[in-house]
Amino acid sequence: MSKHSHSPSYKYDLITFAALMILTIITIWASYATGGTSVLAVSVAMLIATIKATFVVRNFMHIKYDHIIYKVFIGIVMLLFLSFIVLLGIDYALR
């Protein structure tokens, strides 16, 4: 039998945790650096939150090891979500 495991090691979990903590610190720093309520601050915070969500879904929900069809479905949902956010931003800007 092969020793191929479909679960990450503790080392990989700790690296993911450290990356999430660093991204959280960057989010807080960006909030203070840009004033906290500007469009830039919210945009940066949302971008970093999306990156963090990707880490969580891939590593802690084990999507990284699932069949390709699940990855395709998640990609489609993310593209639809992104398109709705862009359309909402355009609508809000033109009011």
PDB file of N, CA and C in Angstrom:
ATOM      1  N   MET A   1       0.830  -1.183   0.000  1.00  0.00           N
ATOM      2  CA  MET A   1       0.000   0.000   0.000  1.00  0.00           C
ATOM      3  C   MET A   1       0.874   1.247   0.000  1.00  0.00           C
ATOM      4  N   SER A   2       0.373   2.243  -0.649  1.00  0.00           N
ATOM      5  CA  SER A   2       1.122   3.500  -0.651  1.00  0.00           C
ATOM      6  C   SER A   2       0.800   4.291   0.612  1.00  0.00           C
ATOM      7  N   LYS A   3       1.686   5.186   0.935  1.00  0.00           N
ATOM      8  CA  LYS A   3       1.498   6.005   2.130  1.00  0.00           C
ATOM      9  C   LYS A   3       0.932   7.373   1.766  1.00  0.00           C
ATOM     10  N   HIS A   4       0.219   7.440   0.670  1.00  0.00           N
ATOM     11  CA  HIS A   4      -0.371   8.695   0.229  1.00  0.00           C
ATOM     12  C   HIS A   4      -1.548   9.030   1.153  1.00  0.00           C
ATOM     13  N   SER A   5      -1.451  10.162   1.801  1.00  0.00           N
ATOM     14  CA  SER A   5      -2.482  10.560   2.751  1.00  0.00           C
ATOM     15  C   SER A   5      -3.293  11.705   2.177  1.00  0.00           C
ATOM     16  N   HIS A   6      -4.582  11.696   2.486  1.00  0.00           N
ATOM     17  CA  HIS A   6      -5.449  12.766   2.014  1.00  0.00           C
ATOM     18  C   HIS A   6      -5.771  13.754   3.120  1.00  0.00           C
ATOM     19  N   SER A   7      -4.874  13.893   4.031  1.00  0.00           N
ATOM     20  CA  SER A   7      -5.042  14.908   5.061  1.00  0.00           C
ATOM     21  C   SER A   7      -3.695  15.589   5.281  1.00  0.00           C
ATOM     22  N   PRO A   8      -3.721  16.887   5.494  1.00  0.00           N
ATOM     23  CA  PRO A   8      -2.456  17.601   5.664  1.00  0.00           C
ATOM     24  C   PRO A   8      -1.803  17.271   7.006  1.00  0.00           C
ATOM     25  N   SER A   9      -0.518  17.474   7.053  1.00  0.00           N
ATOM     26  CA  SER A   9       0.205  17.225   8.292  1.00  0.00           C
ATOM     27  C   SER A   9       0.011  18.412   9.237  1.00  0.00           C
ATOM     28  N   TYR A  10       0.423  18.217  10.472  1.00  0.00           N
ATOM     29  CA  TYR A  10       0.325  19.304  11.440  1.00  0.00           C
ATOM     30  C   TYR A  10       1.202  20.478  11.026  1.00  0.00           C
ATOM     31  N   LYS A  11       2.326  20.172  10.425  1.00  0.00           N
ATOM     32  CA  LYS A  11       3.217  21.232   9.958  1.00  0.00           C
ATOM     33  C   LYS A  11       2.503  22.095   8.926  1.00  0.00           C
ATOM     34  N   TYR A  12       1.805  21.464   8.006  1.00  0.00           N
ATOM     35  CA  TYR A  12       1.072  22.205   6.977  1.00  0.00           C
ATOM     36  C   TYR A  12      -0.061  23.020   7.594  1.00  0.00           C
ATOM     37  N   ASP A  13      -0.724  22.454   8.610  1.00  0.00           N
ATOM     38  CA  ASP A  13      -1.775  23.198   9.314  1.00  0.00           C
ATOM     39  C   ASP A  13      -1.204  24.419  10.023  1.00  0.00           C
ATOM     40  N   LEU A  14      -0.050  24.261  10.640  1.00  0.00           N
ATOM     41  CA  LEU A  14       0.567  25.393  11.332  1.00  0.00           C
ATOM     42  C   LEU A  14       1.028  26.471  10.351  1.00  0.00           C
ATOM     43  N   ILE A  15       1.521  26.066   9.197  1.00  0.00           N
ATOM     44  CA  ILE A  15       1.902  27.041   8.174  1.00  0.00           C
ATOM     45  C   ILE A  15       0.672  27.800   7.684  1.00  0.00           C
ATOM     46  N   THR A  16      -0.425  27.089   7.482  1.00  0.00           N
ATOM     47  CA  THR A  16      -1.674  27.734   7.066  1.00  0.00           C
ATOM     48  C   THR A  16      -2.164  28.694   8.144  1.00  0.00           C
ATOM     49  N   PHE A  17      -2.107  28.266   9.405  1.00  0.00           N
ATOM     50  CA  PHE A  17      -2.511  29.114  10.510  1.00  0.00           C
ATOM     51  C   PHE A  17      -1.651  30.379  10.564  1.00  0.00           C
ATOM     52  N   ALA A  18      -0.346  30.217  10.396  1.00  0.00           N
ATOM     53  CA  ALA A  18       0.550  31.377  10.408  1.00  0.00           C
ATOM     54  C   ALA A  18       0.231  32.332   9.255  1.00  0.00           C
ATOM     55  N   ALA A  19      -0.068  31.788   8.088  1.00  0.00           N
ATOM     56  CA  ALA A  19      -0.425  32.630   6.949  1.00  0.00           C
ATOM     57  C   ALA A  19      -1.723  33.392   7.227  1.00  0.00           C
ATOM     58  N   LEU A  20      -2.691  32.729   7.847  1.00  0.00           N
ATOM     59  CA  LEU A  20      -3.946  33.400   8.195  1.00  0.00           C
ATOM     60  C   LEU A  20      -3.715  34.515   9.217  1.00  0.00           C
ATOM     61  N   MET A  21      -2.856  34.279  10.181  1.00  0.00           N
ATOM     62  CA  MET A  21      -2.556  35.311  11.180  1.00  0.00           C
ATOM     63  C   MET A  21      -1.834  36.499  10.546  1.00  0.00           C
ATOM     64  N   ILE A  22      -0.903  36.226   9.641  1.00  0.00           N
ATOM     65  CA  ILE A  22      -0.190  37.311   8.954  1.00  0.00           C
ATOM     66  C   ILE A  22      -1.161  38.125   8.108  1.00  0.00           C
ATOM     67  N   LEU A  23      -2.069  37.449   7.410  1.00  0.00           N
ATOM     68  CA  LEU A  23      -3.056  38.175   6.610  1.00  0.00           C
ATOM     69  C   LEU A  23      -4.011  38.983   7.490  1.00  0.00           C
ATOM     70  N   THR A  24      -4.313  38.490   8.686  1.00  0.00           N
ATOM     71  CA  THR A  24      -5.138  39.254   9.616  1.00  0.00           C
ATOM     72  C   THR A  24      -4.418  40.512  10.070  1.00  0.00           C
ATOM     73  N   ILE A  25      -3.142  40.395  10.375  1.00  0.00           N
ATOM     74  CA  ILE A  25      -2.352  41.562  10.769  1.00  0.00           C
ATOM     75  C   ILE A  25      -2.278  42.568   9.630  1.00  0.00           C
ATOM     76  N   ILE A  26      -2.113  42.093   8.400  1.00  0.00           N
ATOM     77  CA  ILE A  26      -2.078  42.986   7.240  1.00  0.00           C
ATOM     78  C   ILE A  26      -3.420  43.683   7.064  1.00  0.00           C
ATOM     79  N   THR A  27      -4.514  42.976   7.305  1.00  0.00           N
ATOM     80  CA  THR A  27      -5.843  43.584   7.204  1.00  0.00           C
ATOM     81  C   THR A  27      -6.010  44.701   8.219  1.00  0.00           C
ATOM     82  N   ILE A  28      -5.595  44.461   9.451  1.00  0.00           N
ATOM     83  CA  ILE A  28      -5.695  45.488  10.493  1.00  0.00           C
ATOM     84  C   ILE A  28      -4.802  46.673  10.157  1.00  0.00           C
ATOM     85  N   TRP A  29      -3.580  46.412   9.719  1.00  0.00           N
ATOM     86  CA  TRP A  29      -2.672  47.493   9.349  1.00  0.00           C
ATOM     87  C   TRP A  29      -3.246  48.313   8.193  1.00  0.00           C
ATOM     88  N   ALA A  30      -3.797  47.650   7.188  1.00  0.00           N
ATOM     89  CA  ALA A  30      -4.370  48.362   6.037  1.00  0.00           C
ATOM     90  C   ALA A  30      -5.554  49.214   6.455  1.00  0.00           C
ATOM     91  N   SER A  31      -6.308  48.740   7.430  1.00  0.00           N
ATOM     92  CA  SER A  31      -7.451  49.505   7.919  1.00  0.00           C
ATOM     93  C   SER A  31      -6.989  50.813   8.550  1.00  0.00           C
ATOM     94  N   TYR A  32      -5.964  50.750   9.375  1.00  0.00           N
ATOM     95  CA  TYR A  32      -5.442  51.959  10.003  1.00  0.00           C
ATOM     96  C   TYR A  32      -4.726  52.857   8.995  1.00  0.00           C
ATOM     97  N   ALA A  33      -4.019  52.262   8.047  1.00  0.00           N
ATOM     98  CA  ALA A  33      -3.241  53.036   7.080  1.00  0.00           C
ATOM     99  C   ALA A  33      -4.127  53.807   6.111  1.00  0.00           C
ATOM    100  N   THR A  34      -5.301  53.286   5.809  1.00  0.00           N
ATOM    101  CA  THR A  34      -6.176  53.943   4.831  1.00  0.00           C
ATOM    102  C   THR A  34      -7.342  54.691   5.468  1.00  0.00           C
ATOM    103  N   GLY A  35      -7.391  54.747   6.772  1.00  0.00           N
ATOM    104  CA  GLY A  35      -8.448  55.500   7.423  1.00  0.00           C
ATOM    105  C   GLY A  35      -9.606  54.652   7.894  1.00  0.00           C
ATOM    106  N   GLY A  36      -9.720  53.436   7.458  1.00  0.00           N
ATOM    107  CA  GLY A  36     -10.704  52.509   7.975  1.00  0.00           C
ATOM    108  C   GLY A  36     -12.051  52.505   7.299  1.00  0.00           C
ATOM    109  N   THR A  37     -12.515  53.623   6.764  1.00  0.00           N
ATOM    110  CA  THR A  37     -13.857  53.636   6.181  1.00  0.00           C
ATOM    111  C   THR A  37     -13.858  54.003   4.706  1.00  0.00           C
ATOM    112  N   SER A  38     -12.712  54.146   4.126  1.00  0.00           N
ATOM    113  CA  SER A  38     -12.664  54.505   2.710  1.00  0.00           C
ATOM    114  C   SER A  38     -12.946  53.288   1.837  1.00  0.00           C
ATOM    115  N   VAL A  39     -13.227  53.569   0.586  1.00  0.00           N
ATOM    116  CA  VAL A  39     -13.466  52.481  -0.372  1.00  0.00           C
ATOM    117  C   VAL A  39     -12.218  51.615  -0.507  1.00  0.00           C
ATOM    118  N   LEU A  40     -11.056  52.232  -0.460  1.00  0.00           N
ATOM    119  CA  LEU A  40      -9.805  51.486  -0.563  1.00  0.00           C
ATOM    120  C   LEU A  40      -9.640  50.525   0.608  1.00  0.00           C
ATOM    121  N   ALA A  41      -9.948  50.985   1.809  1.00  0.00           N
ATOM    122  CA  ALA A  41      -9.805  50.128   2.989  1.00  0.00           C
ATOM    123  C   ALA A  41     -10.739  48.929   2.910  1.00  0.00           C
ATOM    124  N   VAL A  42     -11.966  49.157   2.512  1.00  0.00           N
ATOM    125  CA  VAL A  42     -12.933  48.061   2.406  1.00  0.00           C
ATOM    126  C   VAL A  42     -12.529  47.108   1.285  1.00  0.00           C
ATOM    127  N   SER A  43     -12.058  47.641   0.172  1.00  0.00           N
ATOM    128  CA  SER A  43     -11.630  46.792  -0.947  1.00  0.00           C
ATOM    129  C   SER A  43     -10.454  45.910  -0.561  1.00  0.00           C
ATOM    130  N   VAL A  44      -9.474  46.494   0.117  1.00  0.00           N
ATOM    131  CA  VAL A  44      -8.310  45.717   0.551  1.00  0.00           C
ATOM    132  C   VAL A  44      -8.733  44.652   1.559  1.00  0.00           C
ATOM    133  N   ALA A  45      -9.604  45.025   2.491  1.00  0.00           N
ATOM    134  CA  ALA A  45     -10.068  44.061   3.489  1.00  0.00           C
ATOM    135  C   ALA A  45     -10.828  42.909   2.831  1.00  0.00           C
ATOM    136  N   MET A  46     -11.650  43.212   1.845  1.00  0.00           N
ATOM    137  CA  MET A  46     -12.403  42.155   1.154  1.00  0.00           C
ATOM    138  C   MET A  46     -11.474  41.250   0.345  1.00  0.00           C
ATOM    139  N   LEU A  47     -10.471  41.830  -0.287  1.00  0.00           N
ATOM    140  CA  LEU A  47      -9.509  41.029  -1.042  1.00  0.00           C
ATOM    141  C   LEU A  47      -8.754  40.077  -0.117  1.00  0.00           C
ATOM    142  N   ILE A  48      -8.292  40.580   1.006  1.00  0.00           N
ATOM    143  CA  ILE A  48      -7.567  39.733   1.948  1.00  0.00           C
ATOM    144  C   ILE A  48      -8.494  38.681   2.550  1.00  0.00           C
ATOM    145  N   ALA A  49      -9.739  39.043   2.819  1.00  0.00           N
ATOM    146  CA  ALA A  49     -10.706  38.060   3.349  1.00  0.00           C
ATOM    147  C   ALA A  49     -10.963  36.950   2.340  1.00  0.00           C
ATOM    148  N   THR A  50     -10.986  37.293   1.065  1.00  0.00           N
ATOM    149  CA  THR A  50     -11.174  36.278   0.032  1.00  0.00           C
ATOM    150  C   THR A  50      -9.985  35.318  -0.010  1.00  0.00           C
ATOM    151  N   ILE A  51      -8.794  35.850   0.110  1.00  0.00           N
ATOM    152  CA  ILE A  51      -7.588  35.011   0.133  1.00  0.00           C
ATOM    153  C   ILE A  51      -7.616  34.092   1.351  1.00  0.00           C
ATOM    154  N   LYS A  52      -7.996  34.641   2.501  1.00  0.00           N
ATOM    155  CA  LYS A  52      -8.083  33.833   3.715  1.00  0.00           C
ATOM    156  C   LYS A  52      -9.152  32.744   3.587  1.00  0.00           C
ATOM    157  N   ALA A  53     -10.272  33.070   2.999  1.00  0.00           N
ATOM    158  CA  ALA A  53     -11.333  32.073   2.805  1.00  0.00           C
ATOM    159  C   ALA A  53     -10.856  30.951   1.886  1.00  0.00           C
ATOM    160  N   THR A  54     -10.067  31.309   0.884  1.00  0.00           N
ATOM    161  CA  THR A  54      -9.519  30.302  -0.014  1.00  0.00           C
ATOM    162  C   THR A  54      -8.598  29.341   0.742  1.00  0.00           C
ATOM    163  N   PHE A  55      -7.758  29.884   1.622  1.00  0.00           N
ATOM    164  CA  PHE A  55      -6.907  29.033   2.456  1.00  0.00           C
ATOM    165  C   PHE A  55      -7.746  28.069   3.294  1.00  0.00           C
ATOM    166  N   VAL A  56      -8.779  28.591   3.929  1.00  0.00           N
ATOM    167  CA  VAL A  56      -9.604  27.770   4.819  1.00  0.00           C
ATOM    168  C   VAL A  56     -10.320  26.677   4.035  1.00  0.00           C
ATOM    169  N   VAL A  57     -10.913  27.039   2.909  1.00  0.00           N
ATOM    170  CA  VAL A  57     -11.652  26.054   2.111  1.00  0.00           C
ATOM    171  C   VAL A  57     -10.719  24.975   1.576  1.00  0.00           C
ATOM    172  N   ARG A  58      -9.585  25.384   1.061  1.00  0.00           N
ATOM    173  CA  ARG A  58      -8.662  24.403   0.485  1.00  0.00           C
ATOM    174  C   ARG A  58      -8.056  23.482   1.531  1.00  0.00           C
ATOM    175  N   ASN A  59      -7.655  24.035   2.664  1.00  0.00           N
ATOM    176  CA  ASN A  59      -6.880  23.240   3.613  1.00  0.00           C
ATOM    177  C   ASN A  59      -7.727  22.608   4.712  1.00  0.00           C
ATOM    178  N   PHE A  60      -8.589  23.378   5.348  1.00  0.00           N
ATOM    179  CA  PHE A  60      -9.316  22.848   6.491  1.00  0.00           C
ATOM    180  C   PHE A  60     -10.603  22.142   6.085  1.00  0.00           C
ATOM    181  N   MET A  61     -11.141  22.440   4.909  1.00  0.00           N
ATOM    182  CA  MET A  61     -12.311  21.717   4.422  1.00  0.00           C
ATOM    183  C   MET A  61     -11.899  20.631   3.425  1.00  0.00           C
ATOM    184  N   HIS A  62     -10.611  20.482   3.193  1.00  0.00           N
ATOM    185  CA  HIS A  62     -10.012  19.408   2.394  1.00  0.00           C
ATOM    186  C   HIS A  62     -10.473  19.394   0.935  1.00  0.00           C
ATOM    187  N   ILE A  63     -10.815  20.540   0.401  1.00  0.00           N
ATOM    188  CA  ILE A  63     -11.177  20.625  -1.009  1.00  0.00           C
ATOM    189  C   ILE A  63      -9.958  20.337  -1.885  1.00  0.00           C
ATOM    190  N   LYS A  64      -8.794  20.601  -1.364  1.00  0.00           N
ATOM    191  CA  LYS A  64      -7.555  20.349  -2.101  1.00  0.00           C
ATOM    192  C   LYS A  64      -7.445  18.891  -2.530  1.00  0.00           C
ATOM    193  N   TYR A  65      -8.034  17.982  -1.767  1.00  0.00           N
ATOM    194  CA  TYR A  65      -7.898  16.559  -2.036  1.00  0.00           C
ATOM    195  C   TYR A  65      -9.141  15.951  -2.678  1.00  0.00           C
ATOM    196  N   ASP A  66     -10.167  16.758  -2.939  1.00  0.00           N
ATOM    197  CA  ASP A  66     -11.405  16.241  -3.519  1.00  0.00           C
ATOM    198  C   ASP A  66     -11.309  16.121  -5.030  1.00  0.00           C
ATOM    199  N   HIS A  67     -12.341  15.541  -5.597  1.00  0.00           N
ATOM    200  CA  HIS A  67     -12.433  15.350  -7.035  1.00  0.00           C
ATOM    201  C   HIS A  67     -12.498  16.696  -7.747  1.00  0.00           C
ATOM    202  N   ILE A  68     -12.064  16.741  -8.975  1.00  0.00           N
ATOM    203  CA  ILE A  68     -11.967  17.975  -9.747  1.00  0.00           C
ATOM    204  C   ILE A  68     -13.331  18.643  -9.950  1.00  0.00           C
ATOM    205  N   ILE A  69     -14.402  17.881  -9.994  1.00  0.00           N
ATOM    206  CA  ILE A  69     -15.718  18.463 -10.246  1.00  0.00           C
ATOM    207  C   ILE A  69     -16.122  19.404  -9.112  1.00  0.00           C
ATOM    208  N   TYR A  70     -15.730  19.086  -7.880  1.00  0.00           N
ATOM    209  CA  TYR A  70     -16.035  19.969  -6.758  1.00  0.00           C
ATOM    210  C   TYR A  70     -15.275  21.290  -6.875  1.00  0.00           C
ATOM    211  N   LYS A  71     -14.044  21.197  -7.343  1.00  0.00           N
ATOM    212  CA  LYS A  71     -13.248  22.414  -7.551  1.00  0.00           C
ATOM    213  C   LYS A  71     -13.873  23.278  -8.638  1.00  0.00           C
ATOM    214  N   VAL A  72     -14.386  22.648  -9.678  1.00  0.00           N
ATOM    215  CA  VAL A  72     -15.040  23.390 -10.763  1.00  0.00           C
ATOM    216  C   VAL A  72     -16.296  24.079 -10.237  1.00  0.00           C
ATOM    217  N   PHE A  73     -17.102  23.371  -9.464  1.00  0.00           N
ATOM    218  CA  PHE A  73     -18.321  23.965  -8.912  1.00  0.00           C
ATOM    219  C   PHE A  73     -18.001  25.142  -7.993  1.00  0.00           C
ATOM    220  N   ILE A  74     -16.995  24.994  -7.156  1.00  0.00           N
ATOM    221  CA  ILE A  74     -16.604  26.088  -6.269  1.00  0.00           C
ATOM    222  C   ILE A  74     -16.096  27.269  -7.076  1.00  0.00           C
ATOM    223  N   GLY A  75     -15.346  27.003  -8.135  1.00  0.00           N
ATOM    224  CA  GLY A  75     -14.872  28.081  -9.011  1.00  0.00           C
ATOM    225  C   GLY A  75     -16.017  28.826  -9.670  1.00  0.00           C
ATOM    226  N   ILE A  76     -17.025  28.092 -10.127  1.00  0.00           N
ATOM    227  CA  ILE A  76     -18.192  28.726 -10.751  1.00  0.00           C
ATOM    228  C   ILE A  76     -18.919  29.609  -9.745  1.00  0.00           C
ATOM    229  N   VAL A  77     -19.099  29.107  -8.538  1.00  0.00           N
ATOM    230  CA  VAL A  77     -19.771  29.894  -7.500  1.00  0.00           C
ATOM    231  C   VAL A  77     -18.966  31.152  -7.180  1.00  0.00           C
ATOM    232  N   MET A  78     -17.658  31.026  -7.095  1.00  0.00           N
ATOM    233  CA  MET A  78     -16.818  32.197  -6.809  1.00  0.00           C
ATOM    234  C   MET A  78     -16.904  33.224  -7.938  1.00  0.00           C
ATOM    235  N   LEU A  79     -16.921  32.761  -9.188  1.00  0.00           N
ATOM    236  CA  LEU A  79     -17.048  33.696 -10.316  1.00  0.00           C
ATOM    237  C   LEU A  79     -18.403  34.396 -10.309  1.00  0.00           C
ATOM    238  N   LEU A  80     -19.455  33.669 -10.006  1.00  0.00           N
ATOM    239  CA  LEU A  80     -20.772  34.290  -9.908  1.00  0.00           C
ATOM    240  C   LEU A  80     -20.815  35.318  -8.778  1.00  0.00           C
ATOM    241  N   PHE A  81     -20.251  34.965  -7.636  1.00  0.00           N
ATOM    242  CA  PHE A  81     -20.206  35.892  -6.511  1.00  0.00           C
ATOM    243  C   PHE A  81     -19.425  37.149  -6.878  1.00  0.00           C
ATOM    244  N   LEU A  82     -18.274  36.962  -7.506  1.00  0.00           N
ATOM    245  CA  LEU A  82     -17.464  38.106  -7.917  1.00  0.00           C
ATOM    246  C   LEU A  82     -18.199  38.982  -8.919  1.00  0.00           C
ATOM    247  N   SER A  83     -18.907  38.369  -9.859  1.00  0.00           N
ATOM    248  CA  SER A  83     -19.651  39.166 -10.839  1.00  0.00           C
ATOM    249  C   SER A  83     -20.770  39.948 -10.174  1.00  0.00           C
ATOM    250  N   PHE A  84     -21.451  39.353  -9.183  1.00  0.00           N
ATOM    251  CA  PHE A  84     -22.492  40.089  -8.461  1.00  0.00           C
ATOM    252  C   PHE A  84     -21.897  41.253  -7.673  1.00  0.00           C
ATOM    253  N   ILE A  85     -20.747  41.053  -7.073  1.00  0.00           N
ATOM    254  CA  ILE A  85     -20.099  42.132  -6.324  1.00  0.00           C
ATOM    255  C   ILE A  85     -19.705  43.267  -7.264  1.00  0.00           C
ATOM    256  N   VAL A  86     -19.154  42.935  -8.420  1.00  0.00           N
ATOM    257  CA  VAL A  86     -18.770  43.966  -9.394  1.00  0.00           C
ATOM    258  C   VAL A  86     -20.003  44.710  -9.892  1.00  0.00           C
ATOM    259  N   LEU A  87     -21.058  43.990 -10.225  1.00  0.00           N
ATOM    260  CA  LEU A  87     -22.287  44.648 -10.680  1.00  0.00           C
ATOM    261  C   LEU A  87     -22.894  45.515  -9.587  1.00  0.00           C
ATOM    262  N   LEU A  88     -22.845  45.067  -8.360  1.00  0.00           N
ATOM    263  CA  LEU A  88     -23.337  45.868  -7.245  1.00  0.00           C
ATOM    264  C   LEU A  88     -22.511  47.144  -7.091  1.00  0.00           C
ATOM    265  N   GLY A  89     -21.197  47.025  -7.230  1.00  0.00           N
ATOM    266  CA  GLY A  89     -20.330  48.196  -7.153  1.00  0.00           C
ATOM    267  C   GLY A  89     -20.609  49.191  -8.265  1.00  0.00           C
ATOM    268  N   ILE A  90     -20.827  48.689  -9.469  1.00  0.00           N
ATOM    269  CA  ILE A  90     -21.155  49.577 -10.597  1.00  0.00           C
ATOM    270  C   ILE A  90     -22.483  50.267 -10.351  1.00  0.00           C
ATOM    271  N   ASP A  91     -23.478  49.528  -9.891  1.00  0.00           N
ATOM    272  CA  ASP A  91     -24.784  50.123  -9.596  1.00  0.00           C
ATOM    273  C   ASP A  91     -24.663  51.183  -8.499  1.00  0.00           C
ATOM    274  N   TYR A  92     -23.910  50.899  -7.476  1.00  0.00           N
ATOM    275  CA  TYR A  92     -23.747  51.842  -6.378  1.00  0.00           C
ATOM    276  C   TYR A  92     -23.008  53.103  -6.839  1.00  0.00           C
ATOM    277  N   ALA A  93     -22.016  52.933  -7.703  1.00  0.00           N
ATOM    278  CA  ALA A  93     -21.242  54.081  -8.187  1.00  0.00           C
ATOM    279  C   ALA A  93     -22.056  54.980  -9.111  1.00  0.00           C
ATOM    280  N   LEU A  94     -23.026  54.436  -9.818  1.00  0.00           N
ATOM    281  CA  LEU A  94     -23.792  55.221 -10.781  1.00  0.00           C
ATOM    282  C   LEU A  94     -25.052  55.846 -10.181  1.00  0.00           C
ATOM    283  N   ARG A  95     -25.294  55.689  -8.924  1.00  0.00           N
ATOM    284  CA  ARG A  95     -26.485  56.280  -8.295  1.00  0.00           C
ATOM    285  C   ARG A  95     -26.248  57.706  -7.926  1.00  0.00           C
TER     286      ARG A  95
END
